């Protein structure tokens, strides 16, 4: 088990690959660009651990994940962010509404990754 200062738990189980679950809290913020995109920046040490995993990369170096917060679950991608040296987790409007979260809120998340 790996521990992070702002990460609650990390666990892994093998079933035809390794499923890794990370739990962390992050502050929701609105992107300073066109559109109303909202993100959470992953803790930097968590991002380093994700980069160390043998994960398939998608467009823009993104990583496919399953995410949970409150009673909501969805699939999305983590996007590398050069400014923070971490990854950004997009949180779509339907999730923000369902969970009653808004810019500046500290939100608990779990993300699942599958390592081949």
PDB file of N, CA and C in Angstrom:
ATOM      1  N   UNK A   1       0.845  -1.177   0.000  1.00  0.00           N
ATOM      2  CA  UNK A   1       0.000   0.000   0.000  1.00  0.00           C
ATOM      3  C   UNK A   1       0.890   1.241   0.000  1.00  0.00           C
ATOM      4  N   UNK A   2       0.546   2.209  -0.843  1.00  0.00           N
ATOM      5  CA  UNK A   2       1.271   3.462  -0.967  1.00  0.00           C
ATOM      6  C   UNK A   2       0.505   4.530  -0.199  1.00  0.00           C
ATOM      7  N   UNK A   3       1.194   5.388   0.514  1.00  0.00           N
ATOM      8  CA  UNK A   3       0.542   6.468   1.275  1.00  0.00           C
ATOM      9  C   UNK A   3       0.947   7.818   0.707  1.00  0.00           C
ATOM     10  N   UNK A   4      -0.004   8.720   0.660  1.00  0.00           N
ATOM     11  CA  UNK A   4       0.219  10.087   0.216  1.00  0.00           C
ATOM     12  C   UNK A   4      -0.333  11.009   1.291  1.00  0.00           C
ATOM     13  N   UNK A   5       0.288  12.169   1.525  1.00  0.00           N
ATOM     14  CA  UNK A   5      -0.197  13.070   2.559  1.00  0.00           C
ATOM     15  C   UNK A   5      -1.667  13.457   2.378  1.00  0.00           C
ATOM     16  N   UNK A   6      -2.107  13.686   1.150  1.00  0.00           N
ATOM     17  CA  UNK A   6      -3.488  14.103   0.918  1.00  0.00           C
ATOM     18  C   UNK A   6      -4.310  12.996   0.279  1.00  0.00           C
ATOM     19  N   UNK A   7      -3.756  11.800   0.217  1.00  0.00           N
ATOM     20  CA  UNK A   7      -4.459  10.679  -0.380  1.00  0.00           C
ATOM     21  C   UNK A   7      -4.872   9.746   0.733  1.00  0.00           C
ATOM     22  N   UNK A   8      -6.155   9.415   0.784  1.00  0.00           N
ATOM     23  CA  UNK A   8      -6.656   8.606   1.882  1.00  0.00           C
ATOM     24  C   UNK A   8      -6.204   7.158   1.807  1.00  0.00           C
ATOM     25  N   UNK A   9      -6.261   6.542   0.610  1.00  0.00           N
ATOM     26  CA  UNK A   9      -5.846   5.149   0.511  1.00  0.00           C
ATOM     27  C   UNK A   9      -5.526   4.794  -0.924  1.00  0.00           C
ATOM     28  N   UNK A  10      -4.694   3.799  -1.061  1.00  0.00           N
ATOM     29  CA  UNK A  10      -4.362   3.249  -2.360  1.00  0.00           C
ATOM     30  C   UNK A  10      -4.410   1.745  -2.206  1.00  0.00           C
ATOM     31  N   UNK A  11      -5.121   1.076  -3.104  1.00  0.00           N
ATOM     32  CA  UNK A  11      -5.184  -0.373  -3.017  1.00  0.00           C
ATOM     33  C   UNK A  11      -5.077  -0.967  -4.408  1.00  0.00           C
ATOM     34  N   UNK A  12      -4.709  -2.230  -4.480  1.00  0.00           N
ATOM     35  CA  UNK A  12      -4.591  -2.904  -5.769  1.00  0.00           C
ATOM     36  C   UNK A  12      -5.074  -4.335  -5.639  1.00  0.00           C
ATOM     37  N   UNK A  13      -5.714  -4.837  -6.677  1.00  0.00           N
ATOM     38  CA  UNK A  13      -6.146  -6.229  -6.723  1.00  0.00           C
ATOM     39  C   UNK A  13      -5.914  -6.729  -8.140  1.00  0.00           C
ATOM     40  N   UNK A  14      -5.542  -7.988  -8.272  1.00  0.00           N
ATOM     41  CA  UNK A  14      -5.249  -8.538  -9.586  1.00  0.00           C
ATOM     42  C   UNK A  14      -6.422  -9.357 -10.110  1.00  0.00           C
ATOM     43  N   UNK A  15      -6.902  -8.995 -11.312  1.00  0.00           N
ATOM     44  CA  UNK A  15      -7.926  -9.756 -12.021  1.00  0.00           C
ATOM     45  C   UNK A  15      -7.666  -9.527 -13.506  1.00  0.00           C
ATOM     46  N   UNK A  16      -6.778 -10.334 -14.110  1.00  0.00           N
ATOM     47  CA  UNK A  16      -6.443 -10.143 -15.515  1.00  0.00           C
ATOM     48  C   UNK A  16      -5.719  -8.834 -15.763  1.00  0.00           C
ATOM     49  N   UNK A  17      -5.081  -8.306 -14.805  1.00  0.00           N
ATOM     50  CA  UNK A  17      -4.426  -7.002 -14.814  1.00  0.00           C
ATOM     51  C   UNK A  17      -4.520  -6.495 -13.395  1.00  0.00           C
ATOM     52  N   UNK A  18      -4.019  -5.343 -13.153  1.00  0.00           N
ATOM     53  CA  UNK A  18      -4.074  -4.791 -11.803  1.00  0.00           C
ATOM     54  C   UNK A  18      -4.997  -3.581 -11.812  1.00  0.00           C
ATOM     55  N   UNK A  19      -6.023  -3.612 -10.980  1.00  0.00           N
ATOM     56  CA  UNK A  19      -6.893  -2.456 -10.805  1.00  0.00           C
ATOM     57  C   UNK A  19      -6.386  -1.679  -9.604  1.00  0.00           C
ATOM     58  N   UNK A  20      -6.089  -0.419  -9.817  1.00  0.00           N
ATOM     59  CA  UNK A  20      -5.542   0.423  -8.761  1.00  0.00           C
ATOM     60  C   UNK A  20      -6.558   1.518  -8.452  1.00  0.00           C
ATOM     61  N   UNK A  21      -6.861   1.694  -7.174  1.00  0.00           N
ATOM     62  CA  UNK A  21      -7.789   2.736  -6.741  1.00  0.00           C
ATOM     63  C   UNK A  21      -7.048   3.739  -5.873  1.00  0.00           C
ATOM     64  N   UNK A  22      -7.176   5.011  -6.240  1.00  0.00           N
ATOM     65  CA  UNK A  22      -6.597   6.100  -5.467  1.00  0.00           C
ATOM     66  C   UNK A  22      -7.732   6.939  -4.901  1.00  0.00           C
ATOM     67  N   UNK A  23      -7.622   7.350  -3.652  1.00  0.00           N
ATOM     68  CA  UNK A  23      -8.585   8.257  -3.024  1.00  0.00           C
ATOM     69  C   UNK A  23      -7.857   9.532  -2.632  1.00  0.00           C
ATOM     70  N   UNK A  24      -8.478  10.673  -2.918  1.00  0.00           N
ATOM     71  CA  UNK A  24      -7.851  11.948  -2.583  1.00  0.00           C
ATOM     72  C   UNK A  24      -8.921  13.025  -2.487  1.00  0.00           C
ATOM     73  N   UNK A  25      -8.552  14.164  -1.944  1.00  0.00           N
ATOM     74  CA  UNK A  25      -9.415  15.342  -1.885  1.00  0.00           C
ATOM     75  C   UNK A  25      -8.767  16.446  -2.695  1.00  0.00           C
ATOM     76  N   UNK A  26      -9.580  17.208  -3.404  1.00  0.00           N
ATOM     77  CA  UNK A  26      -9.048  18.302  -4.191  1.00  0.00           C
ATOM     78  C   UNK A  26     -10.062  19.420  -4.325  1.00  0.00           C
ATOM     79  N   UNK A  27      -9.558  20.623  -4.589  1.00  0.00           N
ATOM     80  CA  UNK A  27     -10.407  21.806  -4.724  1.00  0.00           C
ATOM     81  C   UNK A  27     -10.865  21.975  -6.171  1.00  0.00           C
ATOM     82  N   UNK A  28     -12.155  22.132  -6.359  1.00  0.00           N
ATOM     83  CA  UNK A  28     -12.745  22.315  -7.675  1.00  0.00           C
ATOM     84  C   UNK A  28     -12.476  23.742  -8.158  1.00  0.00           C
ATOM     85  N   UNK A  29     -11.995  23.870  -9.410  1.00  0.00           N
ATOM     86  CA  UNK A  29     -11.754  25.205  -9.963  1.00  0.00           C
ATOM     87  C   UNK A  29     -12.238  25.272 -11.407  1.00  0.00           C
ATOM     88  N   UNK A  30     -12.540  26.502 -11.849  1.00  0.00           N
ATOM     89  CA  UNK A  30     -12.971  26.727 -13.225  1.00  0.00           C
ATOM     90  C   UNK A  30     -11.765  27.102 -14.073  1.00  0.00           C
ATOM     91  N   UNK A  31     -11.647  26.462 -15.230  1.00  0.00           N
ATOM     92  CA  UNK A  31     -10.549  26.703 -16.165  1.00  0.00           C
ATOM     93  C   UNK A  31     -10.646  28.112 -16.719  1.00  0.00           C
ATOM     94  N   UNK A  32      -9.497  28.766 -16.870  1.00  0.00           N
ATOM     95  CA  UNK A  32      -9.457  30.143 -17.378  1.00  0.00           C
ATOM     96  C   UNK A  32      -9.389  30.157 -18.895  1.00  0.00           C
ATOM     97  N   UNK A  33     -10.381  29.644 -19.536  1.00  0.00           N
ATOM     98  CA  UNK A  33     -10.417  29.616 -20.993  1.00  0.00           C
ATOM     99  C   UNK A  33     -11.850  29.618 -21.464  1.00  0.00           C
ATOM    100  N   UNK A  34     -12.029  29.313 -22.741  1.00  0.00           N
ATOM    101  CA  UNK A  34     -13.379  29.260 -23.284  1.00  0.00           C
ATOM    102  C   UNK A  34     -14.153  28.102 -22.675  1.00  0.00           C
ATOM    103  N   UNK A  35     -15.437  28.289 -22.542  1.00  0.00           N
ATOM    104  CA  UNK A  35     -16.284  27.239 -21.986  1.00  0.00           C
ATOM    105  C   UNK A  35     -16.266  27.281 -20.471  1.00  0.00           C
ATOM    106  N   UNK A  36     -17.083  26.448 -19.904  1.00  0.00           N
ATOM    107  CA  UNK A  36     -17.189  26.398 -18.435  1.00  0.00           C
ATOM    108  C   UNK A  36     -16.653  25.066 -17.940  1.00  0.00           C
ATOM    109  N   UNK A  37     -15.385  24.801 -18.181  1.00  0.00           N
ATOM    110  CA  UNK A  37     -14.756  23.554 -17.747  1.00  0.00           C
ATOM    111  C   UNK A  37     -14.325  23.674 -16.298  1.00  0.00           C
ATOM    112  N   UNK A  38     -14.619  22.653 -15.514  1.00  0.00           N
ATOM    113  CA  UNK A  38     -14.222  22.602 -14.114  1.00  0.00           C
ATOM    114  C   UNK A  38     -13.324  21.394 -13.903  1.00  0.00           C
ATOM    115  N   UNK A  39     -12.287  21.577 -13.088  1.00  0.00           N
ATOM    116  CA  UNK A  39     -11.289  20.534 -12.855  1.00  0.00           C
ATOM    117  C   UNK A  39     -10.892  20.483 -11.389  1.00  0.00           C
ATOM    118  N   UNK A  40     -10.234  19.391 -11.043  1.00  0.00           N
ATOM    119  CA  UNK A  40      -9.535  19.231  -9.773  1.00  0.00           C
ATOM    120  C   UNK A  40      -8.120  18.805 -10.132  1.00  0.00           C
ATOM    121  N   UNK A  41      -7.123  19.414  -9.503  1.00  0.00           N
ATOM    122  CA  UNK A  41      -5.734  19.019  -9.710  1.00  0.00           C
ATOM    123  C   UNK A  41      -5.395  17.904  -8.734  1.00  0.00           C
ATOM    124  N   UNK A  42      -4.872  16.793  -9.256  1.00  0.00           N
ATOM    125  CA  UNK A  42      -4.465  15.692  -8.385  1.00  0.00           C
ATOM    126  C   UNK A  42      -3.245  16.103  -7.574  1.00  0.00           C
ATOM    127  N   UNK A  43      -3.100  15.564  -6.355  1.00  0.00           N
ATOM    128  CA  UNK A  43      -1.873  15.808  -5.594  1.00  0.00           C
ATOM    129  C   UNK A  43      -0.667  15.371  -6.435  1.00  0.00           C
ATOM    130  N   UNK A  44       0.393  16.143  -6.385  1.00  0.00           N
ATOM    131  CA  UNK A  44       1.553  15.907  -7.251  1.00  0.00           C
ATOM    132  C   UNK A  44       2.189  14.536  -7.035  1.00  0.00           C
ATOM    133  N   UNK A  45       2.286  14.079  -5.781  1.00  0.00           N
ATOM    134  CA  UNK A  45       2.894  12.768  -5.545  1.00  0.00           C
ATOM    135  C   UNK A  45       2.014  11.650  -6.095  1.00  0.00           C
ATOM    136  N   UNK A  46       0.718  11.839  -6.098  1.00  0.00           N
ATOM    137  CA  UNK A  46      -0.186  10.868  -6.703  1.00  0.00           C
ATOM    138  C   UNK A  46       0.028  10.840  -8.214  1.00  0.00           C
ATOM    139  N   UNK A  47       0.180  12.001  -8.825  1.00  0.00           N
ATOM    140  CA  UNK A  47       0.443  12.085 -10.266  1.00  0.00           C
ATOM    141  C   UNK A  47       1.745  11.369 -10.621  1.00  0.00           C
ATOM    142  N   UNK A  48       2.762  11.511  -9.782  1.00  0.00           N
ATOM    143  CA  UNK A  48       4.034  10.824 -10.026  1.00  0.00           C
ATOM    144  C   UNK A  48       3.844   9.314  -9.992  1.00  0.00           C
ATOM    145  N   UNK A  49       3.047   8.818  -9.043  1.00  0.00           N
ATOM    146  CA  UNK A  49       2.777   7.382  -8.969  1.00  0.00           C
ATOM    147  C   UNK A  49       2.021   6.898 -10.204  1.00  0.00           C
ATOM    148  N   UNK A  50       1.080   7.686 -10.689  1.00  0.00           N
ATOM    149  CA  UNK A  50       0.327   7.314 -11.890  1.00  0.00           C
ATOM    150  C   UNK A  50       1.250   7.275 -13.096  1.00  0.00           C
ATOM    151  N   UNK A  51       2.154   8.251 -13.210  1.00  0.00           N
ATOM    152  CA  UNK A  51       3.111   8.253 -14.326  1.00  0.00           C
ATOM    153  C   UNK A  51       4.017   7.033 -14.284  1.00  0.00           C
ATOM    154  N   UNK A  52       4.302   6.515 -13.086  1.00  0.00           N
ATOM    155  CA  UNK A  52       5.167   5.340 -12.940  1.00  0.00           C
ATOM    156  C   UNK A  52       4.478   4.037 -13.344  1.00  0.00           C
ATOM    157  N   UNK A  53       3.148   4.031 -13.415  1.00  0.00           N
ATOM    158  CA  UNK A  53       2.415   2.825 -13.792  1.00  0.00           C
ATOM    159  C   UNK A  53       2.495   2.601 -15.299  1.00  0.00           C
ATOM    160  N   UNK A  54       2.386   1.346 -15.710  1.00  0.00           N
ATOM    161  CA  UNK A  54       2.390   0.997 -17.133  1.00  0.00           C
ATOM    162  C   UNK A  54       0.965   1.134 -17.670  1.00  0.00           C
ATOM    163  N   UNK A  55       0.556   2.363 -17.949  1.00  0.00           N
ATOM    164  CA  UNK A  55      -0.805   2.629 -18.411  1.00  0.00           C
ATOM    165  C   UNK A  55      -0.809   3.004 -19.882  1.00  0.00           C
ATOM    166  N   UNK A  56      -1.835   2.552 -20.607  1.00  0.00           N
ATOM    167  CA  UNK A  56      -1.946   3.004 -21.995  1.00  0.00           C
ATOM    168  C   UNK A  56      -2.261   4.500 -22.024  1.00  0.00           C
ATOM    169  N   UNK A  57      -1.548   5.237 -22.856  1.00  0.00           N
ATOM    170  CA  UNK A  57      -1.765   6.685 -22.977  1.00  0.00           C
ATOM    171  C   UNK A  57      -2.684   6.945 -24.162  1.00  0.00           C
ATOM    172  N   UNK A  58      -3.506   7.959 -24.004  1.00  0.00           N
ATOM    173  CA  UNK A  58      -4.425   8.356 -25.053  1.00  0.00           C
ATOM    174  C   UNK A  58      -3.997   9.727 -25.562  1.00  0.00           C
ATOM    175  N   UNK A  59      -4.857  10.363 -26.347  1.00  0.00           N
ATOM    176  CA  UNK A  59      -4.546  11.676 -26.888  1.00  0.00           C
ATOM    177  C   UNK A  59      -4.124  12.669 -25.818  1.00  0.00           C
ATOM    178  N   UNK A  60      -3.155  13.501 -26.126  1.00  0.00           N
ATOM    179  CA  UNK A  60      -2.619  14.524 -25.224  1.00  0.00           C
ATOM    180  C   UNK A  60      -1.960  13.924 -23.982  1.00  0.00           C
ATOM    181  N   UNK A  61      -1.627  12.622 -23.996  1.00  0.00           N
ATOM    182  CA  UNK A  61      -1.015  11.983 -22.827  1.00  0.00           C
ATOM    183  C   UNK A  61      -2.007  11.678 -21.728  1.00  0.00           C
ATOM    184  N   UNK A  62      -3.303  11.681 -22.073  1.00  0.00           N
ATOM    185  CA  UNK A  62      -4.340  11.450 -21.067  1.00  0.00           C
ATOM    186  C   UNK A  62      -4.389   9.989 -20.633  1.00  0.00           C
ATOM    187  N   UNK A  63      -4.989   9.762 -19.471  1.00  0.00           N
ATOM    188  CA  UNK A  63      -5.109   8.432 -18.877  1.00  0.00           C
ATOM    189  C   UNK A  63      -6.582   8.178 -18.571  1.00  0.00           C
ATOM    190  N   UNK A  64      -7.119   7.070 -19.088  1.00  0.00           N
ATOM    191  CA  UNK A  64      -8.528   6.723 -18.870  1.00  0.00           C
ATOM    192  C   UNK A  64      -8.743   6.266 -17.430  1.00  0.00           C
ATOM    193  N   UNK A  65      -9.809   6.791 -16.785  1.00  0.00           N
ATOM    194  CA  UNK A  65     -10.111   6.447 -15.390  1.00  0.00           C
ATOM    195  C   UNK A  65     -11.618   6.314 -15.182  1.00  0.00           C
ATOM    196  N   UNK A  66     -11.972   5.618 -14.110  1.00  0.00           N
ATOM    197  CA  UNK A  66     -13.345   5.612 -13.600  1.00  0.00           C
ATOM    198  C   UNK A  66     -13.291   6.416 -12.311  1.00  0.00           C
ATOM    199  N   UNK A  67     -14.260   7.308 -12.103  1.00  0.00           N
ATOM    200  CA  UNK A  67     -14.237   8.236 -10.969  1.00  0.00           C
ATOM    201  C   UNK A  67     -15.514   8.094 -10.143  1.00  0.00           C
ATOM    202  N   UNK A  68     -15.362   8.243  -8.825  1.00  0.00           N
ATOM    203  CA  UNK A  68     -16.502   8.289  -7.918  1.00  0.00           C
ATOM    204  C   UNK A  68     -16.357   9.475  -6.977  1.00  0.00           C
ATOM    205  N   UNK A  69     -17.483  10.146  -6.743  1.00  0.00           N
ATOM    206  CA  UNK A  69     -17.576  11.148  -5.689  1.00  0.00           C
ATOM    207  C   UNK A  69     -19.011  11.130  -5.199  1.00  0.00           C
ATOM    208  N   UNK A  70     -19.198  11.115  -3.899  1.00  0.00           N
ATOM    209  CA  UNK A  70     -20.551  11.013  -3.357  1.00  0.00           C
ATOM    210  C   UNK A  70     -21.245   9.799  -3.938  1.00  0.00           C
ATOM    211  N   UNK A  71     -22.443   9.988  -4.489  1.00  0.00           N
ATOM    212  CA  UNK A  71     -23.190   8.897  -5.104  1.00  0.00           C
ATOM    213  C   UNK A  71     -23.024   8.821  -6.610  1.00  0.00           C
ATOM    214  N   UNK A  72     -22.118   9.602  -7.176  1.00  0.00           N
ATOM    215  CA  UNK A  72     -21.925   9.654  -8.632  1.00  0.00           C
ATOM    216  C   UNK A  72     -20.702   8.858  -9.062  1.00  0.00           C
ATOM    217  N   UNK A  73     -20.811   8.235 -10.229  1.00  0.00           N
ATOM    218  CA  UNK A  73     -19.693   7.497 -10.830  1.00  0.00           C
ATOM    219  C   UNK A  73     -19.714   7.762 -12.332  1.00  0.00           C
ATOM    220  N   UNK A  74     -18.538   7.984 -12.926  1.00  0.00           N
ATOM    221  CA  UNK A  74     -18.453   8.236 -14.356  1.00  0.00           C
ATOM    222  C   UNK A  74     -17.066   7.872 -14.861  1.00  0.00           C
ATOM    223  N   UNK A  75     -16.948   7.769 -16.202  1.00  0.00           N
ATOM    224  CA  UNK A  75     -15.657   7.524 -16.837  1.00  0.00           C
ATOM    225  C   UNK A  75     -15.206   8.797 -17.527  1.00  0.00           C
ATOM    226  N   UNK A  76     -13.911   9.060 -17.425  1.00  0.00           N
ATOM    227  CA  UNK A  76     -13.330  10.242 -18.053  1.00  0.00           C
ATOM    228  C   UNK A  76     -11.844   9.971 -18.236  1.00  0.00           C
ATOM    229  N   UNK A  77     -11.084  10.992 -18.470  1.00  0.00           N
ATOM    230  CA  UNK A  77      -9.631  10.882 -18.577  1.00  0.00           C
ATOM    231  C   UNK A  77      -8.974  11.930 -17.701  1.00  0.00           C
ATOM    232  N   UNK A  78      -7.804  11.593 -17.191  1.00  0.00           N
ATOM    233  CA  UNK A  78      -6.945  12.563 -16.513  1.00  0.00           C
ATOM    234  C   UNK A  78      -6.069  13.191 -17.584  1.00  0.00           C
ATOM    235  N   UNK A  79      -5.880  14.500 -17.519  1.00  0.00           N
ATOM    236  CA  UNK A  79      -5.074  15.196 -18.510  1.00  0.00           C
ATOM    237  C   UNK A  79      -3.834  15.790 -17.853  1.00  0.00           C
ATOM    238  N   UNK A  80      -2.647  15.556 -18.444  1.00  0.00           N
ATOM    239  CA  UNK A  80      -1.432  16.131 -17.866  1.00  0.00           C
ATOM    240  C   UNK A  80      -1.489  17.657 -17.911  1.00  0.00           C
ATOM    241  N   UNK A  81      -0.967  18.275 -16.848  1.00  0.00           N
ATOM    242  CA  UNK A  81      -0.952  19.732 -16.731  1.00  0.00           C
ATOM    243  C   UNK A  81       0.475  20.180 -16.465  1.00  0.00           C
ATOM    244  N   UNK A  82       1.074  20.814 -17.442  1.00  0.00           N
ATOM    245  CA  UNK A  82       2.474  21.254 -17.295  1.00  0.00           C
ATOM    246  C   UNK A  82       2.647  22.277 -16.183  1.00  0.00           C
ATOM    247  N   UNK A  83       1.661  23.147 -16.019  1.00  0.00           N
ATOM    248  CA  UNK A  83       1.765  24.216 -15.022  1.00  0.00           C
ATOM    249  C   UNK A  83       1.931  23.656 -13.608  1.00  0.00           C
ATOM    250  N   UNK A  84       1.121  22.657 -13.262  1.00  0.00           N
ATOM    251  CA  UNK A  84       1.168  22.093 -11.908  1.00  0.00           C
ATOM    252  C   UNK A  84       2.100  20.892 -11.801  1.00  0.00           C
ATOM    253  N   UNK A  85       2.471  20.293 -12.949  1.00  0.00           N
ATOM    254  CA  UNK A  85       3.277  19.076 -12.920  1.00  0.00           C
ATOM    255  C   UNK A  85       2.456  17.871 -12.491  1.00  0.00           C
ATOM    256  N   UNK A  86       1.138  17.988 -12.586  1.00  0.00           N
ATOM    257  CA  UNK A  86       0.241  16.933 -12.134  1.00  0.00           C
ATOM    258  C   UNK A  86      -0.728  16.573 -13.254  1.00  0.00           C
ATOM    259  N   UNK A  87      -1.850  16.005 -12.874  1.00  0.00           N
ATOM    260  CA  UNK A  87      -2.945  15.720 -13.797  1.00  0.00           C
ATOM    261  C   UNK A  87      -4.167  16.523 -13.378  1.00  0.00           C
ATOM    262  N   UNK A  88      -5.011  16.830 -14.364  1.00  0.00           N
ATOM    263  CA  UNK A  88      -6.284  17.483 -14.105  1.00  0.00           C
ATOM    264  C   UNK A  88      -7.403  16.476 -14.302  1.00  0.00           C
ATOM    265  N   UNK A  89      -8.344  16.472 -13.364  1.00  0.00           N
ATOM    266  CA  UNK A  89      -9.531  15.631 -13.434  1.00  0.00           C
ATOM    267  C   UNK A  89     -10.721  16.521 -13.789  1.00  0.00           C
ATOM    268  N   UNK A  90     -11.318  16.343 -14.990  1.00  0.00           N
ATOM    269  CA  UNK A  90     -12.494  17.139 -15.332  1.00  0.00           C
ATOM    270  C   UNK A  90     -13.723  16.654 -14.564  1.00  0.00           C
ATOM    271  N   UNK A  91     -14.530  17.610 -14.101  1.00  0.00           N
ATOM    272  CA  UNK A  91     -15.764  17.286 -13.377  1.00  0.00           C
ATOM    273  C   UNK A  91     -16.907  17.972 -14.121  1.00  0.00           C
ATOM    274  N   UNK A  92     -17.695  17.173 -14.836  1.00  0.00           N
ATOM    275  CA  UNK A  92     -18.734  17.739 -15.694  1.00  0.00           C
ATOM    276  C   UNK A  92     -19.914  18.298 -14.903  1.00  0.00           C
ATOM    277  N   UNK A  93     -20.669  19.146 -15.583  1.00  0.00           N
ATOM    278  CA  UNK A  93     -21.776  19.877 -14.972  1.00  0.00           C
ATOM    279  C   UNK A  93     -22.801  18.949 -14.318  1.00  0.00           C
ATOM    280  N   UNK A  94     -23.145  17.851 -14.974  1.00  0.00           N
ATOM    281  CA  UNK A  94     -24.141  16.926 -14.421  1.00  0.00           C
ATOM    282  C   UNK A  94     -23.692  16.376 -13.070  1.00  0.00           C
ATOM    283  N   UNK A  95     -22.397  16.111 -12.926  1.00  0.00           N
ATOM    284  CA  UNK A  95     -21.854  15.601 -11.659  1.00  0.00           C
ATOM    285  C   UNK A  95     -21.887  16.708 -10.610  1.00  0.00           C
ATOM    286  N   UNK A  96     -21.461  17.918 -10.982  1.00  0.00           N
ATOM    287  CA  UNK A  96     -21.461  19.033 -10.032  1.00  0.00           C
ATOM    288  C   UNK A  96     -22.868  19.304  -9.507  1.00  0.00           C
ATOM    289  N   UNK A  97     -23.840  19.260 -10.389  1.00  0.00           N
ATOM    290  CA  UNK A  97     -25.237  19.477  -9.971  1.00  0.00           C
ATOM    291  C   UNK A  97     -25.726  18.352  -9.068  1.00  0.00           C
ATOM    292  N   UNK A  98     -25.486  17.110  -9.482  1.00  0.00           N
ATOM    293  CA  UNK A  98     -25.961  15.954  -8.711  1.00  0.00           C
ATOM    294  C   UNK A  98     -25.378  15.938  -7.304  1.00  0.00           C
ATOM    295  N   UNK A  99     -24.120  16.383  -7.169  1.00  0.00           N
ATOM    296  CA  UNK A  99     -23.434  16.337  -5.876  1.00  0.00           C
ATOM    297  C   UNK A  99     -23.495  17.663  -5.122  1.00  0.00           C
ATOM    298  N   UNK A 100     -24.055  18.701  -5.752  1.00  0.00           N
ATOM    299  CA  UNK A 100     -24.159  19.999  -5.086  1.00  0.00           C
ATOM    300  C   UNK A 100     -22.808  20.626  -4.801  1.00  0.00           C
ATOM    301  N   UNK A 101     -21.862  20.460  -5.737  1.00  0.00           N
ATOM    302  CA  UNK A 101     -20.519  21.025  -5.543  1.00  0.00           C
ATOM    303  C   UNK A 101     -20.295  22.170  -6.518  1.00  0.00           C
ATOM    304  N   UNK A 102     -19.412  23.093  -6.123  1.00  0.00           N
ATOM    305  CA  UNK A 102     -19.159  24.274  -6.933  1.00  0.00           C
ATOM    306  C   UNK A 102     -17.701  24.696  -6.769  1.00  0.00           C
ATOM    307  N   UNK A 103     -17.312  25.665  -7.566  1.00  0.00           N
ATOM    308  CA  UNK A 103     -15.944  26.181  -7.547  1.00  0.00           C
ATOM    309  C   UNK A 103     -15.513  26.511  -6.122  1.00  0.00           C
ATOM    310  N   UNK A 104     -14.306  26.074  -5.764  1.00  0.00           N
ATOM    311  CA  UNK A 104     -13.747  26.349  -4.444  1.00  0.00           C
ATOM    312  C   UNK A 104     -14.030  25.271  -3.418  1.00  0.00           C
ATOM    313  N   UNK A 105     -14.967  24.358  -3.719  1.00  0.00           N
ATOM    314  CA  UNK A 105     -15.286  23.282  -2.776  1.00  0.00           C
ATOM    315  C   UNK A 105     -14.172  22.238  -2.747  1.00  0.00           C
ATOM    316  N   UNK A 106     -13.880  21.726  -1.559  1.00  0.00           N
ATOM    317  CA  UNK A 106     -12.943  20.616  -1.393  1.00  0.00           C
ATOM    318  C   UNK A 106     -13.769  19.337  -1.493  1.00  0.00           C
ATOM    319  N   UNK A 107     -13.432  18.497  -2.472  1.00  0.00           N
ATOM    320  CA  UNK A 107     -14.248  17.333  -2.804  1.00  0.00           C
ATOM    321  C   UNK A 107     -13.409  16.064  -2.687  1.00  0.00           C
ATOM    322  N   UNK A 108     -14.014  14.996  -2.145  1.00  0.00           N
ATOM    323  CA  UNK A 108     -13.366  13.686  -2.047  1.00  0.00           C
ATOM    324  C   UNK A 108     -13.652  12.891  -3.315  1.00  0.00           C
ATOM    325  N   UNK A 109     -12.603  12.276  -3.872  1.00  0.00           N
ATOM    326  CA  UNK A 109     -12.722  11.476  -5.086  1.00  0.00           C
ATOM    327  C   UNK A 109     -12.047  10.130  -4.900  1.00  0.00           C
ATOM    328  N   UNK A 110     -12.525   9.130  -5.641  1.00  0.00           N
ATOM    329  CA  UNK A 110     -11.828   7.863  -5.840  1.00  0.00           C
ATOM    330  C   UNK A 110     -11.681   7.699  -7.339  1.00  0.00           C
ATOM    331  N   UNK A 111     -10.479   7.319  -7.784  1.00  0.00           N
ATOM    332  CA  UNK A 111     -10.266   7.043  -9.201  1.00  0.00           C
ATOM    333  C   UNK A 111      -9.715   5.634  -9.346  1.00  0.00           C
ATOM    334  N   UNK A 112     -10.240   4.905 -10.333  1.00  0.00           N
ATOM    335  CA  UNK A 112      -9.786   3.552 -10.649  1.00  0.00           C
ATOM    336  C   UNK A 112      -9.026   3.585 -11.959  1.00  0.00           C
ATOM    337  N   UNK A 113      -7.864   2.911 -11.975  1.00  0.00           N
ATOM    338  CA  UNK A 113      -7.075   2.746 -13.185  1.00  0.00           C
ATOM    339  C   UNK A 113      -6.826   1.258 -13.362  1.00  0.00           C
ATOM    340  N   UNK A 114      -6.763   0.791 -14.605  1.00  0.00           N
ATOM    341  CA  UNK A 114      -6.437  -0.601 -14.871  1.00  0.00           C
ATOM    342  C   UNK A 114      -5.073  -0.657 -15.527  1.00  0.00           C
ATOM    343  N   UNK A 115      -4.172  -1.409 -14.899  1.00  0.00           N
ATOM    344  CA  UNK A 115      -2.816  -1.579 -15.406  1.00  0.00           C
ATOM    345  C   UNK A 115      -2.763  -2.926 -16.103  1.00  0.00           C
ATOM    346  N   UNK A 116      -2.404  -2.934 -17.377  1.00  0.00           N
ATOM    347  CA  UNK A 116      -2.355  -4.186 -18.148  1.00  0.00           C
ATOM    348  C   UNK A 116      -1.210  -5.066 -17.717  1.00  0.00           C
TER     349      UNK A 116
END
